[in-house]
Amino acid sequence: MQRTRQLRRTAGFSLIELLIVVAIIAALVGVAVPMFQKNIQEAHRAKANQDLDTIRNAITLHDSQNKPLIGTDLKPLLGRYLQELPRDPWGNEYRYLVPGSHGGAYDLYSLGADGEPGGEGTDVDIGSWNLE
């Protein structure tokens, strides 16, 4: 009988102990997830800026050796200037517009997470006119 009581006490965790552990884990997740999401958003923005810079350099090199690109087509850059046209971090194609509407010869941009013009926060457009 005493052996049975002893086994019962050491056989596992009480419900209160499990609830305390679950509450601690939930608190840690509640703090970590927003920080992780912020880092993901910053990484997407950094990738878009790097891609735009790479494409902009390819356009500059192309235009110095050929007639400048016109219209909205970046395909003439493929092969000699870029191995492939990157997609923005949200899976959309980068946009190219000549003449530019932000004071430059052209606009090169991503429409952000929502894929729509304009937006705020993660949905804001990232363009060659505001490269960091």
N, C-alpha and C. Protein backbone atom coordinates (compact mmCIF):
# COMPACT_ATOMS: atom_id res chain seq x y z
N MET A 1 0.81 -1.19 0.00
CA MET A 1 0.00 0.00 0.00
C MET A 1 0.86 1.26 0.00
N GLN A 2 1.86 1.29 0.86
CA GLN A 2 2.73 2.45 0.92
C GLN A 2 3.52 2.58 -0.38
N ARG A 3 3.88 1.47 -0.96
CA ARG A 3 4.60 1.49 -2.23
C ARG A 3 3.72 2.10 -3.33
N THR A 4 2.44 1.82 -3.33
CA THR A 4 1.51 2.37 -4.31
C THR A 4 1.40 3.88 -4.17
N ARG A 5 1.31 4.39 -2.95
CA ARG A 5 1.26 5.83 -2.73
C ARG A 5 2.53 6.51 -3.22
N GLN A 6 3.63 5.88 -2.94
CA GLN A 6 4.92 6.44 -3.35
C GLN A 6 5.00 6.50 -4.88
N LEU A 7 4.56 5.47 -5.57
CA LEU A 7 4.56 5.46 -7.03
C LEU A 7 3.63 6.53 -7.59
N ARG A 8 2.47 6.71 -6.94
CA ARG A 8 1.52 7.71 -7.40
C ARG A 8 2.11 9.12 -7.33
N ARG A 9 2.81 9.42 -6.28
CA ARG A 9 3.40 10.74 -6.12
C ARG A 9 4.48 11.02 -7.15
N THR A 10 5.23 10.04 -7.55
CA THR A 10 6.35 10.25 -8.47
C THR A 10 6.02 9.85 -9.90
N ALA A 11 4.81 9.45 -10.16
CA ALA A 11 4.46 8.92 -11.48
C ALA A 11 4.33 10.01 -12.55
N GLY A 12 4.09 11.26 -12.20
CA GLY A 12 3.91 12.27 -13.22
C GLY A 12 3.76 13.65 -12.61
N PHE A 13 3.29 14.58 -13.46
CA PHE A 13 3.10 15.95 -13.03
C PHE A 13 1.65 16.17 -12.64
N SER A 14 1.45 17.08 -11.74
CA SER A 14 0.08 17.44 -11.38
C SER A 14 -0.48 18.38 -12.44
N LEU A 15 -1.77 18.54 -12.44
CA LEU A 15 -2.43 19.42 -13.40
C LEU A 15 -1.96 20.86 -13.21
N ILE A 16 -1.77 21.30 -12.00
CA ILE A 16 -1.31 22.67 -11.73
C ILE A 16 0.09 22.87 -12.32
N GLU A 17 0.97 21.91 -12.17
CA GLU A 17 2.32 22.04 -12.71
C GLU A 17 2.28 22.16 -14.23
N LEU A 18 1.44 21.34 -14.86
CA LEU A 18 1.31 21.41 -16.32
C LEU A 18 0.73 22.74 -16.76
N LEU A 19 -0.25 23.27 -16.05
CA LEU A 19 -0.83 24.56 -16.40
C LEU A 19 0.19 25.69 -16.26
N ILE A 20 1.03 25.62 -15.25
CA ILE A 20 2.07 26.64 -15.07
C ILE A 20 3.06 26.60 -16.23
N VAL A 21 3.46 25.40 -16.62
CA VAL A 21 4.40 25.26 -17.75
C VAL A 21 3.77 25.78 -19.04
N VAL A 22 2.51 25.43 -19.28
CA VAL A 22 1.81 25.91 -20.49
C VAL A 22 1.70 27.43 -20.48
N ALA A 23 1.41 28.02 -19.33
CA ALA A 23 1.31 29.48 -19.23
C ALA A 23 2.65 30.15 -19.51
N ILE A 24 3.72 29.58 -19.01
CA ILE A 24 5.06 30.14 -19.27
C ILE A 24 5.39 30.06 -20.75
N ILE A 25 5.10 28.93 -21.37
CA ILE A 25 5.37 28.77 -22.81
C ILE A 25 4.52 29.75 -23.61
N ALA A 26 3.25 29.91 -23.26
CA ALA A 26 2.38 30.85 -23.97
C ALA A 26 2.90 32.28 -23.85
N ALA A 27 3.40 32.66 -22.68
CA ALA A 27 3.95 34.01 -22.49
C ALA A 27 5.19 34.21 -23.35
N LEU A 28 6.05 33.21 -23.40
CA LEU A 28 7.25 33.31 -24.23
C LEU A 28 6.90 33.41 -25.71
N VAL A 29 5.94 32.63 -26.15
CA VAL A 29 5.51 32.69 -27.55
C VAL A 29 4.88 34.04 -27.85
N GLY A 30 4.11 34.57 -26.91
CA GLY A 30 3.48 35.87 -27.10
C GLY A 30 4.48 37.00 -27.28
N VAL A 31 5.65 36.86 -26.70
CA VAL A 31 6.70 37.87 -26.85
C VAL A 31 7.52 37.60 -28.10
N ALA A 32 7.82 36.35 -28.39
CA ALA A 32 8.74 36.00 -29.48
C ALA A 32 8.11 36.15 -30.86
N VAL A 33 6.85 35.81 -31.03
CA VAL A 33 6.23 35.82 -32.36
C VAL A 33 6.21 37.22 -32.97
N PRO A 34 5.77 38.26 -32.27
CA PRO A 34 5.81 39.60 -32.89
C PRO A 34 7.22 40.05 -33.27
N MET A 35 8.20 39.70 -32.45
CA MET A 35 9.58 40.07 -32.78
C MET A 35 10.03 39.33 -34.02
N PHE A 36 9.66 38.07 -34.13
CA PHE A 36 10.02 37.26 -35.29
C PHE A 36 9.36 37.80 -36.55
N GLN A 37 8.09 38.17 -36.46
CA GLN A 37 7.38 38.72 -37.62
C GLN A 37 8.00 40.05 -38.07
N LYS A 38 8.42 40.86 -37.12
CA LYS A 38 9.07 42.14 -37.47
C LYS A 38 10.37 41.86 -38.23
N ASN A 39 11.14 40.88 -37.78
CA ASN A 39 12.38 40.52 -38.46
C ASN A 39 12.13 40.00 -39.87
N ILE A 40 11.05 39.25 -40.05
CA ILE A 40 10.70 38.75 -41.38
C ILE A 40 10.37 39.92 -42.30
N GLN A 41 9.60 40.89 -41.81
CA GLN A 41 9.25 42.06 -42.62
C GLN A 41 10.49 42.86 -43.00
N GLU A 42 11.41 43.01 -42.06
CA GLU A 42 12.65 43.73 -42.36
C GLU A 42 13.49 42.96 -43.38
N ALA A 43 13.49 41.64 -43.31
CA ALA A 43 14.23 40.83 -44.27
C ALA A 43 13.63 40.95 -45.67
N HIS A 44 12.30 40.97 -45.75
CA HIS A 44 11.63 41.14 -47.05
C HIS A 44 12.00 42.49 -47.66
N ARG A 45 11.98 43.52 -46.86
CA ARG A 45 12.32 44.87 -47.36
C ARG A 45 13.78 44.92 -47.81
N ALA A 46 14.68 44.30 -47.04
CA ALA A 46 16.10 44.28 -47.40
C ALA A 46 16.32 43.51 -48.71
N LYS A 47 15.60 42.39 -48.88
CA LYS A 47 15.73 41.62 -50.12
C LYS A 47 15.23 42.44 -51.31
N ALA A 48 14.11 43.11 -51.14
CA ALA A 48 13.57 43.94 -52.23
C ALA A 48 14.54 45.05 -52.58
N ASN A 49 15.12 45.71 -51.58
CA ASN A 49 16.10 46.77 -51.85
C ASN A 49 17.31 46.22 -52.59
N GLN A 50 17.79 45.04 -52.19
CA GLN A 50 18.95 44.43 -52.86
C GLN A 50 18.61 44.06 -54.30
N ASP A 51 17.44 43.47 -54.51
CA ASP A 51 17.02 43.12 -55.87
C ASP A 51 16.90 44.37 -56.74
N LEU A 52 16.29 45.41 -56.21
CA LEU A 52 16.13 46.65 -56.98
C LEU A 52 17.49 47.24 -57.34
N ASP A 53 18.42 47.19 -56.41
CA ASP A 53 19.76 47.70 -56.67
C ASP A 53 20.45 46.87 -57.76
N THR A 54 20.30 45.56 -57.72
CA THR A 54 20.89 44.68 -58.73
C THR A 54 20.29 44.96 -60.11
N ILE A 55 18.97 45.06 -60.17
CA ILE A 55 18.31 45.33 -61.45
C ILE A 55 18.69 46.72 -61.95
N ARG A 56 18.74 47.69 -61.05
CA ARG A 56 19.13 49.05 -61.43
C ARG A 56 20.54 49.08 -62.02
N ASN A 57 21.46 48.34 -61.42
CA ASN A 57 22.82 48.26 -61.96
C ASN A 57 22.83 47.61 -63.34
N ALA A 58 22.01 46.57 -63.52
CA ALA A 58 21.91 45.91 -64.83
C ALA A 58 21.34 46.87 -65.87
N ILE A 59 20.35 47.67 -65.49
CA ILE A 59 19.77 48.66 -66.41
C ILE A 59 20.83 49.69 -66.80
N THR A 60 21.58 50.16 -65.82
CA THR A 60 22.62 51.16 -66.09
C THR A 60 23.66 50.60 -67.06
N LEU A 61 24.10 49.37 -66.82
CA LEU A 61 25.08 48.74 -67.71
C LEU A 61 24.50 48.54 -69.10
N HIS A 62 23.26 48.06 -69.17
CA HIS A 62 22.61 47.86 -70.47
C HIS A 62 22.51 49.17 -71.23
N ASP A 63 22.05 50.21 -70.54
CA ASP A 63 21.83 51.49 -71.21
C ASP A 63 23.14 52.14 -71.66
N SER A 64 24.25 51.82 -70.97
CA SER A 64 25.54 52.39 -71.39
C SER A 64 26.08 51.68 -72.64
N GLN A 65 25.60 50.48 -72.91
CA GLN A 65 26.10 49.72 -74.05
C GLN A 65 25.10 49.60 -75.20
N ASN A 66 23.86 49.95 -74.96
CA ASN A 66 22.79 49.80 -75.95
C ASN A 66 21.87 51.02 -75.88
N LYS A 67 20.82 50.97 -76.69
CA LYS A 67 19.77 51.98 -76.56
C LYS A 67 19.09 51.77 -75.21
N PRO A 68 18.71 52.85 -74.55
CA PRO A 68 18.04 52.70 -73.25
C PRO A 68 16.77 51.87 -73.35
N LEU A 69 16.49 51.14 -72.28
CA LEU A 69 15.25 50.38 -72.22
C LEU A 69 14.08 51.35 -72.22
N ILE A 70 13.04 50.98 -72.94
CA ILE A 70 11.82 51.79 -72.94
C ILE A 70 10.64 50.91 -72.58
N GLY A 71 9.54 51.53 -72.23
CA GLY A 71 8.33 50.77 -71.92
C GLY A 71 8.36 50.17 -70.54
N THR A 72 7.93 48.91 -70.45
CA THR A 72 7.82 48.24 -69.15
C THR A 72 8.52 46.89 -69.14
N ASP A 73 9.30 46.58 -70.17
CA ASP A 73 9.88 45.25 -70.32
C ASP A 73 11.33 45.20 -69.83
N LEU A 74 11.61 44.30 -68.91
CA LEU A 74 12.97 44.10 -68.42
C LEU A 74 13.65 42.89 -69.07
N LYS A 75 12.95 42.20 -69.97
CA LYS A 75 13.51 40.98 -70.57
C LYS A 75 14.80 41.20 -71.34
N PRO A 76 15.04 42.37 -71.96
CA PRO A 76 16.33 42.56 -72.64
C PRO A 76 17.54 42.45 -71.71
N LEU A 77 17.32 42.51 -70.40
CA LEU A 77 18.43 42.38 -69.46
C LEU A 77 18.86 40.93 -69.26
N LEU A 78 17.97 39.99 -69.61
CA LEU A 78 18.26 38.58 -69.38
C LEU A 78 19.42 38.11 -70.24
N GLY A 79 20.21 37.23 -69.68
CA GLY A 79 21.34 36.67 -70.40
C GLY A 79 22.61 37.41 -70.11
N ARG A 80 22.79 38.54 -70.76
CA ARG A 80 24.06 39.27 -70.65
C ARG A 80 24.18 40.07 -69.35
N TYR A 81 23.07 40.61 -68.84
CA TYR A 81 23.13 41.49 -67.69
C TYR A 81 22.57 40.86 -66.41
N LEU A 82 21.61 39.98 -66.56
CA LEU A 82 21.04 39.24 -65.43
C LEU A 82 20.79 37.80 -65.87
N GLN A 83 21.10 36.85 -65.00
CA GLN A 83 20.81 35.45 -65.34
C GLN A 83 19.32 35.18 -65.31
N GLU A 84 18.65 35.80 -64.36
CA GLU A 84 17.19 35.69 -64.28
C GLU A 84 16.65 36.96 -63.63
N LEU A 85 15.41 37.25 -63.93
CA LEU A 85 14.76 38.39 -63.29
C LEU A 85 14.23 37.93 -61.94
N PRO A 86 14.72 38.52 -60.86
CA PRO A 86 14.22 38.09 -59.55
C PRO A 86 12.77 38.51 -59.36
N ARG A 87 12.09 37.80 -58.49
CA ARG A 87 10.75 38.17 -58.08
C ARG A 87 10.86 38.83 -56.72
N ASP A 88 9.92 39.70 -56.41
CA ASP A 88 9.99 40.37 -55.11
C ASP A 88 9.73 39.34 -54.00
N PRO A 89 9.98 39.70 -52.75
CA PRO A 89 9.84 38.73 -51.65
C PRO A 89 8.42 38.17 -51.50
N TRP A 90 7.44 38.79 -52.12
CA TRP A 90 6.06 38.33 -52.02
C TRP A 90 5.65 37.56 -53.27
N GLY A 91 6.61 37.26 -54.15
CA GLY A 91 6.35 36.43 -55.32
C GLY A 91 5.88 37.16 -56.56
N ASN A 92 5.85 38.48 -56.53
CA ASN A 92 5.40 39.27 -57.69
C ASN A 92 6.59 39.75 -58.51
N GLU A 93 6.33 40.10 -59.76
CA GLU A 93 7.38 40.65 -60.60
C GLU A 93 7.65 42.10 -60.21
N TYR A 94 8.91 42.50 -60.37
CA TYR A 94 9.25 43.90 -60.18
C TYR A 94 8.71 44.68 -61.36
N ARG A 95 8.27 45.89 -61.12
CA ARG A 95 7.69 46.74 -62.16
C ARG A 95 8.74 47.73 -62.66
N TYR A 96 8.64 48.03 -63.95
CA TYR A 96 9.56 48.98 -64.59
C TYR A 96 8.72 49.91 -65.44
N LEU A 97 8.94 51.20 -65.27
CA LEU A 97 8.14 52.18 -65.99
C LEU A 97 9.01 53.31 -66.49
N VAL A 98 8.94 53.58 -67.82
CA VAL A 98 9.66 54.70 -68.43
C VAL A 98 8.63 55.59 -69.10
N PRO A 99 8.65 56.86 -68.90
CA PRO A 99 9.51 57.63 -68.00
C PRO A 99 9.04 57.46 -66.56
N GLY A 100 9.94 57.76 -65.66
CA GLY A 100 9.62 57.62 -64.24
C GLY A 100 8.68 58.72 -63.76
N SER A 101 7.92 58.43 -62.74
CA SER A 101 6.99 59.42 -62.18
C SER A 101 7.49 60.00 -60.86
N HIS A 102 8.73 59.63 -60.48
CA HIS A 102 9.29 60.12 -59.21
C HIS A 102 10.55 60.94 -59.44
N GLY A 103 10.67 61.55 -60.59
CA GLY A 103 11.79 62.44 -60.86
C GLY A 103 12.98 61.80 -61.56
N GLY A 104 12.96 60.50 -61.76
CA GLY A 104 14.06 59.84 -62.44
C GLY A 104 13.70 59.49 -63.87
N ALA A 105 14.68 58.91 -64.59
CA ALA A 105 14.42 58.50 -65.97
C ALA A 105 13.44 57.33 -66.03
N TYR A 106 13.41 56.54 -64.95
CA TYR A 106 12.50 55.39 -64.89
C TYR A 106 12.16 55.10 -63.43
N ASP A 107 11.10 54.33 -63.25
CA ASP A 107 10.73 53.82 -61.94
C ASP A 107 10.89 52.31 -61.97
N LEU A 108 11.56 51.79 -60.98
CA LEU A 108 11.72 50.36 -60.79
C LEU A 108 11.21 50.09 -59.39
N TYR A 109 10.21 49.21 -59.26
CA TYR A 109 9.58 49.09 -57.95
C TYR A 109 8.86 47.76 -57.74
N SER A 110 8.57 47.49 -56.47
CA SER A 110 7.72 46.38 -56.04
C SER A 110 6.47 46.99 -55.43
N LEU A 111 5.35 46.33 -55.61
CA LEU A 111 4.10 46.82 -55.05
C LEU A 111 3.89 46.42 -53.59
N GLY A 112 4.87 45.78 -52.98
CA GLY A 112 4.78 45.41 -51.57
C GLY A 112 3.98 44.14 -51.36
N ALA A 113 3.66 43.86 -50.11
CA ALA A 113 3.02 42.60 -49.73
C ALA A 113 1.64 42.43 -50.33
N ASP A 114 0.90 43.52 -50.52
CA ASP A 114 -0.47 43.40 -51.02
C ASP A 114 -0.55 43.32 -52.54
N GLY A 115 0.54 43.63 -53.25
CA GLY A 115 0.53 43.59 -54.71
C GLY A 115 -0.31 44.68 -55.35
N GLU A 116 -0.66 45.71 -54.57
CA GLU A 116 -1.48 46.82 -55.07
C GLU A 116 -0.70 48.12 -54.92
N PRO A 117 -0.94 49.09 -55.81
CA PRO A 117 -0.25 50.38 -55.68
C PRO A 117 -0.56 51.07 -54.35
N GLY A 118 0.42 51.77 -53.83
CA GLY A 118 0.25 52.48 -52.56
C GLY A 118 0.38 51.55 -51.38
N GLY A 119 -0.31 51.86 -50.34
CA GLY A 119 -0.30 51.01 -49.16
C GLY A 119 0.52 51.60 -48.03
N GLU A 120 0.37 51.00 -46.87
CA GLU A 120 1.10 51.42 -45.68
C GLU A 120 1.69 50.19 -45.01
N GLY A 121 2.68 50.41 -44.17
CA GLY A 121 3.30 49.30 -43.43
C GLY A 121 3.97 48.32 -44.38
N THR A 122 3.62 47.04 -44.27
CA THR A 122 4.23 46.03 -45.14
C THR A 122 3.70 46.11 -46.56
N ASP A 123 2.60 46.81 -46.76
CA ASP A 123 2.01 46.92 -48.09
C ASP A 123 2.56 48.08 -48.90
N VAL A 124 3.44 48.89 -48.32
CA VAL A 124 3.96 50.07 -48.99
C VAL A 124 4.82 49.66 -50.19
N ASP A 125 4.74 50.45 -51.25
CA ASP A 125 5.58 50.21 -52.44
C ASP A 125 7.03 50.50 -52.11
N ILE A 126 7.93 49.68 -52.65
CA ILE A 126 9.37 49.87 -52.47
C ILE A 126 9.92 50.13 -53.86
N GLY A 127 10.54 51.29 -54.05
CA GLY A 127 10.99 51.64 -55.39
C GLY A 127 12.39 52.17 -55.44
N SER A 128 12.89 52.31 -56.67
CA SER A 128 14.24 52.81 -56.88
C SER A 128 14.37 54.26 -56.38
N TRP A 129 13.28 54.96 -56.24
CA TRP A 129 13.30 56.34 -55.77
C TRP A 129 13.51 56.45 -54.26
N ASN A 130 13.34 55.34 -53.55
CA ASN A 130 13.54 55.41 -52.10
C ASN A 130 14.44 54.29 -51.58
N LEU A 131 15.41 53.89 -52.40
CA LEU A 131 16.34 52.86 -51.95
C LEU A 131 17.14 53.36 -50.77
N GLU A 132 17.34 52.46 -49.80
CA GLU A 132 18.10 52.82 -48.59
C GLU A 132 19.58 52.75 -48.85
